Amino acid sequence: MYHGPPPEPHAPGRDRPLRREPILDMSARPQAAIADALDRYRLGPVIGRGATATVHRALDLETHTEVAVKIVAAHDEIVPRLRAEIRAVVRMDHPSIVALLDWGADDEAVYLVSELVEGVSLAEELEAGPVDERDAVRVVRDVLAGLAHAHERGVVHRDVKPANIMVDADGRGRLTDFGVARLAGEAGLTETGGVVGTMAYMAPEQARGSRVGPRADVYSATLMLYEALTGQSPLLADNPAETARRAAEADIPPLAELRPDLPKDLVAAVSAGLAPAPRDRPEAAELEAMLGDVQPRLGVARYLRRLA
């Protein structure tokens, strides 16, 4: 496993060292055997599984702390995206972004070691139906704060969706999986006109295969908030073609029709984040601030609704 240069001093208020960016040309260094690649980590049970990756709980034998190890098959199509993930995450240090701690590769797989977040994904929470608006706003504010940090560093996530948001034991939202992130100015990771991500959480410009910028992430984060408040994904349809049409046309029922009880300024913030044209959407930091103005009044509004 590649460990990089000596760590920098601890960041104020953080309990992990910052890491300099590792060498990203995997072909330029010898490929270790799988046992060597994982010699520092003792793998435990599987805690997540996707189409291309398996995530294990693991023990770091040097620090005696638990971590998460994502193992991804190293075929030609996935490696460029993983390299982009590494390049993206090592540039960031924010409490709303799950930290990438280490990485390595061999002939069989690429290994990404990240901090272990004890909690559940937002997708798991949404399976139970609508989320309390105070909790929903708090989690999405956390996500937007992490996205603002990423955008300031030229990173667009491009796959913001509930499955990529961990909600920790304190109820905080943590953004993970920059596997399809695109650095500003870096060559695209898909063919011309191609799309990457999950269609039901795509901004219209992304669904159409157009150039994607930071405000596409804002749109996706707002879609998650809409779903959390209503209990349904506004773009998800019974078939992929209809989902694609809804995404490309931004065909979303107004939030006020489904939740007329919500404060008007919360509805206005969601409407702003779901503006069809990117130029009409707020930046991540701006929308986070808008939701921050609303959040203190949500508990009072709910109490008054119960009295009515």
Protein backbone atom coordinates (compact mmCIF):
# COMPACT_ATOMS: atom_id res chain seq x y z
CA MET A 1 0.00 0.00 0.00
CA TYR A 2 1.36 3.40 -0.95
CA HIS A 3 1.83 5.59 2.10
CA GLY A 4 3.24 8.78 0.60
CA PRO A 5 5.62 11.26 2.22
CA PRO A 6 5.65 11.99 5.96
CA PRO A 7 2.35 13.53 7.09
CA GLU A 8 2.04 17.23 7.69
CA PRO A 9 1.17 18.57 11.15
CA HIS A 10 -2.37 18.05 12.42
CA ALA A 11 -4.91 20.57 11.25
CA PRO A 12 -6.48 22.60 14.05
CA GLY A 13 -9.42 20.80 15.53
CA ARG A 14 -8.87 17.63 13.53
CA ASP A 15 -7.56 14.31 14.82
CA ARG A 16 -5.92 13.12 11.63
CA PRO A 17 -2.85 14.37 9.75
CA LEU A 18 -3.14 16.09 6.40
CA ARG A 19 -1.56 14.18 3.51
CA ARG A 20 0.25 15.51 0.49
CA GLU A 21 -1.02 14.37 -2.90
CA PRO A 22 0.47 10.98 -3.82
CA ILE A 23 1.96 10.06 -7.18
CA LEU A 24 -1.05 9.31 -9.39
CA ASP A 25 0.57 7.42 -12.27
CA MET A 26 -0.04 3.89 -11.02
CA SER A 27 1.81 2.39 -13.97
CA ALA A 28 4.97 4.25 -13.02
CA ARG A 29 5.57 2.21 -9.87
CA PRO A 30 5.86 -1.53 -9.29
CA GLN A 31 2.60 -3.41 -8.83
CA ALA A 32 2.53 -5.15 -5.48
CA ALA A 33 0.89 -8.46 -4.74
CA ILE A 34 -2.43 -8.18 -3.00
CA ALA A 35 -0.92 -9.26 0.30
CA ASP A 36 1.63 -6.47 0.07
CA ALA A 37 -0.96 -3.92 -0.96
CA LEU A 38 -2.96 -4.63 2.16
CA ASP A 39 -0.18 -5.43 4.60
CA ARG A 40 -1.06 -2.48 6.85
CA TYR A 41 -4.77 -3.31 7.01
CA ARG A 42 -6.60 -6.33 8.33
CA LEU A 43 -9.84 -6.73 6.41
CA GLY A 44 -13.05 -7.38 8.31
CA PRO A 45 -16.66 -7.87 7.19
CA VAL A 46 -18.20 -6.38 4.07
CA ILE A 47 -20.19 -3.24 4.92
CA GLY A 48 -21.09 -2.14 1.40
CA ARG A 49 -21.28 -3.53 -2.08
CA GLY A 50 -21.85 -1.93 -5.47
CA ALA A 51 -21.60 -2.81 -9.13
CA THR A 52 -17.83 -2.33 -9.25
CA ALA A 53 -16.65 -2.19 -5.65
CA THR A 54 -16.80 -3.87 -2.27
CA VAL A 55 -16.28 -1.96 0.98
CA HIS A 56 -14.83 -3.67 4.05
CA ARG A 57 -14.52 -2.57 7.63
CA ALA A 58 -10.81 -2.93 8.39
CA LEU A 59 -8.25 -2.36 11.12
CA ASP A 60 -5.24 -0.13 10.54
CA LEU A 61 -2.47 -2.13 12.24
CA GLU A 62 -0.24 0.92 12.61
CA THR A 63 -2.72 3.31 14.23
CA HIS A 64 -5.03 0.65 15.73
CA THR A 65 -8.05 2.50 14.37
CA GLU A 66 -10.89 1.17 12.22
CA VAL A 67 -11.11 2.33 8.63
CA ALA A 68 -13.09 1.53 5.50
CA VAL A 69 -11.33 -0.15 2.58
CA LYS A 70 -12.97 0.04 -0.84
CA ILE A 71 -11.70 -2.60 -3.26
CA VAL A 72 -12.36 -1.92 -6.93
CA ALA A 73 -11.46 -4.23 -9.81
CA ALA A 74 -8.66 -2.59 -11.81
CA HIS A 75 -9.98 -2.75 -15.36
CA ASP A 76 -9.29 -0.10 -17.98
CA GLU A 77 -12.61 1.74 -17.70
CA ILE A 78 -12.66 2.22 -13.94
CA VAL A 79 -9.02 3.16 -13.28
CA PRO A 80 -9.23 6.68 -14.79
CA ARG A 81 -12.22 7.42 -12.60
CA LEU A 82 -10.49 6.10 -9.49
CA ARG A 83 -7.46 8.20 -10.24
CA ALA A 84 -9.78 11.20 -10.48
CA GLU A 85 -11.28 10.25 -7.12
CA ILE A 86 -7.84 10.13 -5.54
CA ARG A 87 -6.79 13.39 -7.19
CA ALA A 88 -9.98 15.06 -6.01
CA VAL A 89 -10.23 13.89 -2.43
CA VAL A 90 -6.61 14.44 -1.42
CA ARG A 91 -7.09 18.14 -2.22
CA MET A 92 -9.84 18.48 0.37
CA ASP A 93 -10.05 18.60 4.15
CA HIS A 94 -13.55 19.29 5.43
CA PRO A 95 -15.70 17.72 8.16
CA SER A 96 -18.53 17.10 5.65
CA ILE A 97 -16.29 15.10 3.31
CA VAL A 98 -15.22 11.57 4.19
CA ALA A 99 -11.42 11.69 4.23
CA LEU A 100 -9.30 9.52 1.95
CA LEU A 101 -6.43 8.28 4.13
CA ASP A 102 -4.42 5.96 1.90
CA TRP A 103 -4.50 4.10 -1.38
CA GLY A 104 -2.71 1.43 -3.34
CA ALA A 105 -3.02 -0.85 -6.35
CA ASP A 106 -1.93 -4.22 -7.68
CA ASP A 107 -2.69 -6.24 -10.79
CA GLU A 108 -6.13 -7.19 -9.54
CA ALA A 109 -7.57 -4.13 -7.85
CA VAL A 110 -7.28 -0.58 -6.58
CA TYR A 111 -7.65 -0.04 -2.82
CA LEU A 112 -9.01 3.17 -1.33
CA VAL A 113 -8.73 3.56 2.44
CA SER A 114 -10.99 6.14 4.04
CA GLU A 115 -12.12 7.05 7.50
CA LEU A 116 -14.90 4.85 8.81
CA VAL A 117 -18.19 6.65 9.32
CA GLU A 118 -20.46 4.94 11.81
CA GLY A 119 -23.97 5.48 10.57
CA VAL A 120 -26.24 4.82 7.61
CA SER A 121 -26.53 6.25 4.14
CA LEU A 122 -29.16 8.86 3.40
CA ALA A 123 -30.58 6.36 0.92
CA GLU A 124 -31.26 3.95 3.78
CA GLU A 125 -32.98 6.69 5.76
CA LEU A 126 -35.14 7.69 2.80
CA GLU A 127 -36.33 4.13 2.33
CA ALA A 128 -38.47 4.65 5.44
CA GLY A 129 -40.25 7.67 3.90
CA PRO A 130 -40.11 11.43 4.52
CA VAL A 131 -37.48 12.72 6.93
CA ASP A 132 -38.21 15.30 9.62
CA GLU A 133 -37.61 18.66 7.92
CA ARG A 134 -35.15 19.76 10.60
CA ASP A 135 -33.03 16.66 10.06
CA ALA A 136 -33.35 16.91 6.29
CA VAL A 137 -32.22 20.52 6.19
CA ARG A 138 -29.34 19.83 8.55
CA VAL A 139 -27.98 16.96 6.46
CA VAL A 140 -28.29 18.84 3.17
CA ARG A 141 -26.66 21.93 4.70
CA ASP A 142 -23.72 19.72 5.66
CA VAL A 143 -23.55 18.36 2.12
CA LEU A 144 -23.68 21.85 0.62
CA ALA A 145 -20.89 23.01 2.93
CA GLY A 146 -18.75 20.10 1.75
CA LEU A 147 -19.58 20.85 -1.87
CA ALA A 148 -18.67 24.52 -1.42
CA HIS A 149 -15.27 23.39 -0.12
CA ALA A 150 -14.84 21.08 -3.12
CA HIS A 151 -15.95 23.70 -5.63
CA GLU A 152 -13.47 26.22 -4.24
CA ARG A 153 -10.76 23.69 -5.11
CA GLY A 154 -11.98 23.08 -8.62
CA VAL A 155 -13.72 19.78 -7.90
CA VAL A 156 -17.21 18.95 -9.16
CA HIS A 157 -18.58 15.75 -7.62
CA ARG A 158 -21.05 14.93 -10.44
CA ASP A 159 -22.74 12.06 -8.57
CA VAL A 160 -24.40 13.62 -5.53
CA LYS A 161 -27.16 11.22 -4.47
CA PRO A 162 -28.48 9.69 -1.22
CA ALA A 163 -26.33 6.55 -1.57
CA ASN A 164 -23.23 8.76 -1.52
CA ILE A 165 -24.19 10.60 1.67
CA MET A 166 -23.41 9.03 5.02
CA VAL A 167 -25.37 10.23 8.03
CA ASP A 168 -23.19 9.71 11.08
CA ALA A 169 -24.20 8.95 14.65
CA ASP A 170 -24.59 12.68 15.37
CA GLY A 171 -26.93 13.17 12.41
CA ARG A 172 -24.36 14.98 10.28
CA GLY A 173 -24.22 14.51 6.53
CA ARG A 174 -20.89 13.31 5.12
CA LEU A 175 -20.19 13.35 1.38
CA THR A 176 -18.33 10.39 -0.06
CA ASP A 177 -17.43 8.67 -3.35
CA PHE A 178 -15.80 11.12 -5.69
CA GLY A 179 -15.38 8.26 -8.17
CA VAL A 180 -16.89 10.29 -10.99
CA ALA A 181 -15.65 13.68 -9.84
CA ARG A 182 -14.27 15.95 -12.50
CA LEU A 183 -11.52 18.47 -11.85
CA ALA A 184 -11.96 21.81 -13.53
CA GLY A 185 -9.78 21.78 -16.63
CA GLU A 186 -9.13 18.03 -16.55
CA ALA A 187 -10.01 15.90 -19.57
CA GLY A 188 -13.48 14.39 -19.44
CA LEU A 189 -13.96 10.89 -18.12
CA THR A 190 -16.67 9.96 -20.60
CA GLU A 191 -17.10 10.01 -24.33
CA THR A 192 -18.54 13.15 -25.89
CA GLY A 193 -22.21 13.42 -25.01
CA GLY A 194 -21.95 10.70 -22.40
CA VAL A 195 -23.37 11.01 -18.92
CA VAL A 196 -22.04 9.76 -15.61
CA GLY A 197 -23.98 9.43 -12.40
CA THR A 198 -27.48 8.44 -11.45
CA MET A 199 -30.18 9.84 -13.71
CA ALA A 200 -32.76 10.41 -10.97
CA TYR A 201 -30.43 12.89 -9.26
CA MET A 202 -29.00 14.63 -12.32
CA ALA A 203 -29.26 18.27 -13.21
CA PRO A 204 -30.93 18.81 -16.60
CA GLU A 205 -27.68 19.85 -18.27
CA GLN A 206 -26.00 16.66 -17.05
CA ALA A 207 -28.91 14.50 -18.19
CA ARG A 208 -28.60 16.06 -21.64
CA GLY A 209 -24.89 15.28 -21.76
CA SER A 210 -23.86 18.95 -21.66
CA ARG A 211 -20.93 20.44 -19.79
CA VAL A 212 -21.37 20.07 -16.02
CA GLY A 213 -20.25 22.64 -13.47
CA PRO A 214 -20.54 23.18 -9.71
CA ARG A 215 -24.20 24.19 -9.86
CA ALA A 216 -25.13 20.74 -11.13
CA ASP A 217 -24.05 19.48 -7.69
CA VAL A 218 -26.29 22.12 -6.10
CA TYR A 219 -29.24 20.86 -8.15
CA SER A 220 -28.56 17.24 -7.12
CA ALA A 221 -28.28 18.19 -3.44
CA THR A 222 -31.58 20.06 -3.69
CA LEU A 223 -33.23 17.02 -5.27
CA MET A 224 -32.18 15.04 -2.20
CA LEU A 225 -33.76 17.66 0.06
CA TYR A 226 -36.96 17.57 -2.00
CA GLU A 227 -37.10 13.79 -1.67
CA ALA A 228 -36.39 13.93 2.06
CA LEU A 229 -39.25 16.41 2.56
CA THR A 230 -41.79 14.62 0.38
CA GLY A 231 -40.84 10.96 0.64
CA GLN A 232 -40.53 10.57 -3.12
CA SER A 233 -37.91 11.17 -5.77
CA PRO A 234 -39.35 13.78 -8.14
CA LEU A 235 -37.54 12.43 -11.22
CA LEU A 236 -37.70 8.67 -10.68
CA ALA A 237 -40.21 7.01 -13.00
CA ASP A 238 -41.28 3.46 -13.78
CA ASN A 239 -38.85 3.20 -16.68
CA PRO A 240 -35.42 4.68 -17.50
CA ALA A 241 -36.65 6.56 -20.56
CA GLU A 242 -39.22 8.52 -18.57
CA THR A 243 -36.71 9.20 -15.80
CA ALA A 244 -34.29 10.53 -18.43
CA ARG A 245 -36.99 12.75 -19.93
CA ARG A 246 -37.96 14.19 -16.56
CA ALA A 247 -34.32 14.84 -15.70
CA ALA A 248 -33.51 16.50 -19.03
CA GLU A 249 -36.63 18.68 -18.90
CA ALA A 250 -36.46 19.42 -15.15
CA ASP A 251 -40.04 18.14 -14.92
CA ILE A 252 -40.58 18.45 -11.15
CA PRO A 253 -43.87 19.16 -9.35
CA PRO A 254 -43.64 22.32 -7.20
CA LEU A 255 -42.73 21.46 -3.63
CA ALA A 256 -45.55 23.65 -2.30
CA GLU A 257 -48.11 21.36 -3.95
CA LEU A 258 -46.88 18.34 -2.01
CA ARG A 259 -45.95 20.11 1.23
CA PRO A 260 -48.11 23.23 1.60
CA ASP A 261 -47.33 23.18 5.32
CA LEU A 262 -43.65 24.02 4.86
CA PRO A 263 -42.34 27.56 5.52
CA LYS A 264 -42.37 29.68 2.37
CA ASP A 265 -38.69 30.54 2.63
CA LEU A 266 -37.80 26.83 2.70
CA VAL A 267 -39.93 26.25 -0.40
CA ALA A 268 -38.24 29.26 -2.03
CA ALA A 269 -34.77 27.86 -1.26
CA VAL A 270 -35.68 24.51 -2.82
CA SER A 271 -37.12 26.25 -5.88
CA ALA A 272 -33.91 28.26 -6.26
CA GLY A 273 -31.75 25.14 -6.06
CA LEU A 274 -33.91 23.44 -8.70
CA ALA A 275 -33.84 26.27 -11.23
CA PRO A 276 -33.56 24.61 -14.68
CA ALA A 277 -30.78 26.93 -15.87
CA PRO A 278 -27.48 26.66 -13.95
CA ARG A 279 -26.98 30.43 -13.99
CA ASP A 280 -30.23 30.87 -12.07
CA ARG A 281 -29.21 28.56 -9.21
CA PRO A 282 -27.33 29.75 -6.13
CA GLU A 283 -23.83 28.48 -5.47
CA ALA A 284 -23.46 25.79 -2.82
CA ALA A 285 -22.40 28.26 -0.11
CA GLU A 286 -25.30 30.58 -0.96
CA LEU A 287 -27.92 27.83 -0.75
CA GLU A 288 -26.38 26.55 2.48
CA ALA A 289 -26.78 30.06 3.92
CA MET A 290 -30.39 30.26 2.73
CA LEU A 291 -31.19 26.99 4.47
CA GLY A 292 -29.32 28.19 7.54
CA ASP A 293 -31.68 31.17 7.79
CA VAL A 294 -34.66 28.81 7.65
CA GLN A 295 -33.43 26.10 10.01
CA PRO A 296 -33.93 27.84 13.40
CA ARG A 297 -37.60 28.43 12.58
CA LEU A 298 -38.43 24.87 11.50
CA GLY A 299 -39.01 23.58 15.02
CA VAL A 300 -41.28 26.53 15.86
CA ALA A 301 -43.22 26.11 12.61
CA ARG A 302 -43.78 22.44 13.32
CA TYR A 303 -44.99 23.20 16.85
CA LEU A 304 -47.45 25.80 15.59
CA ARG A 305 -48.79 23.39 12.96
CA ARG A 306 -49.50 20.84 15.67
CA LEU A 307 -51.48 23.44 17.64
CA ALA A 308 -53.55 24.41 14.61
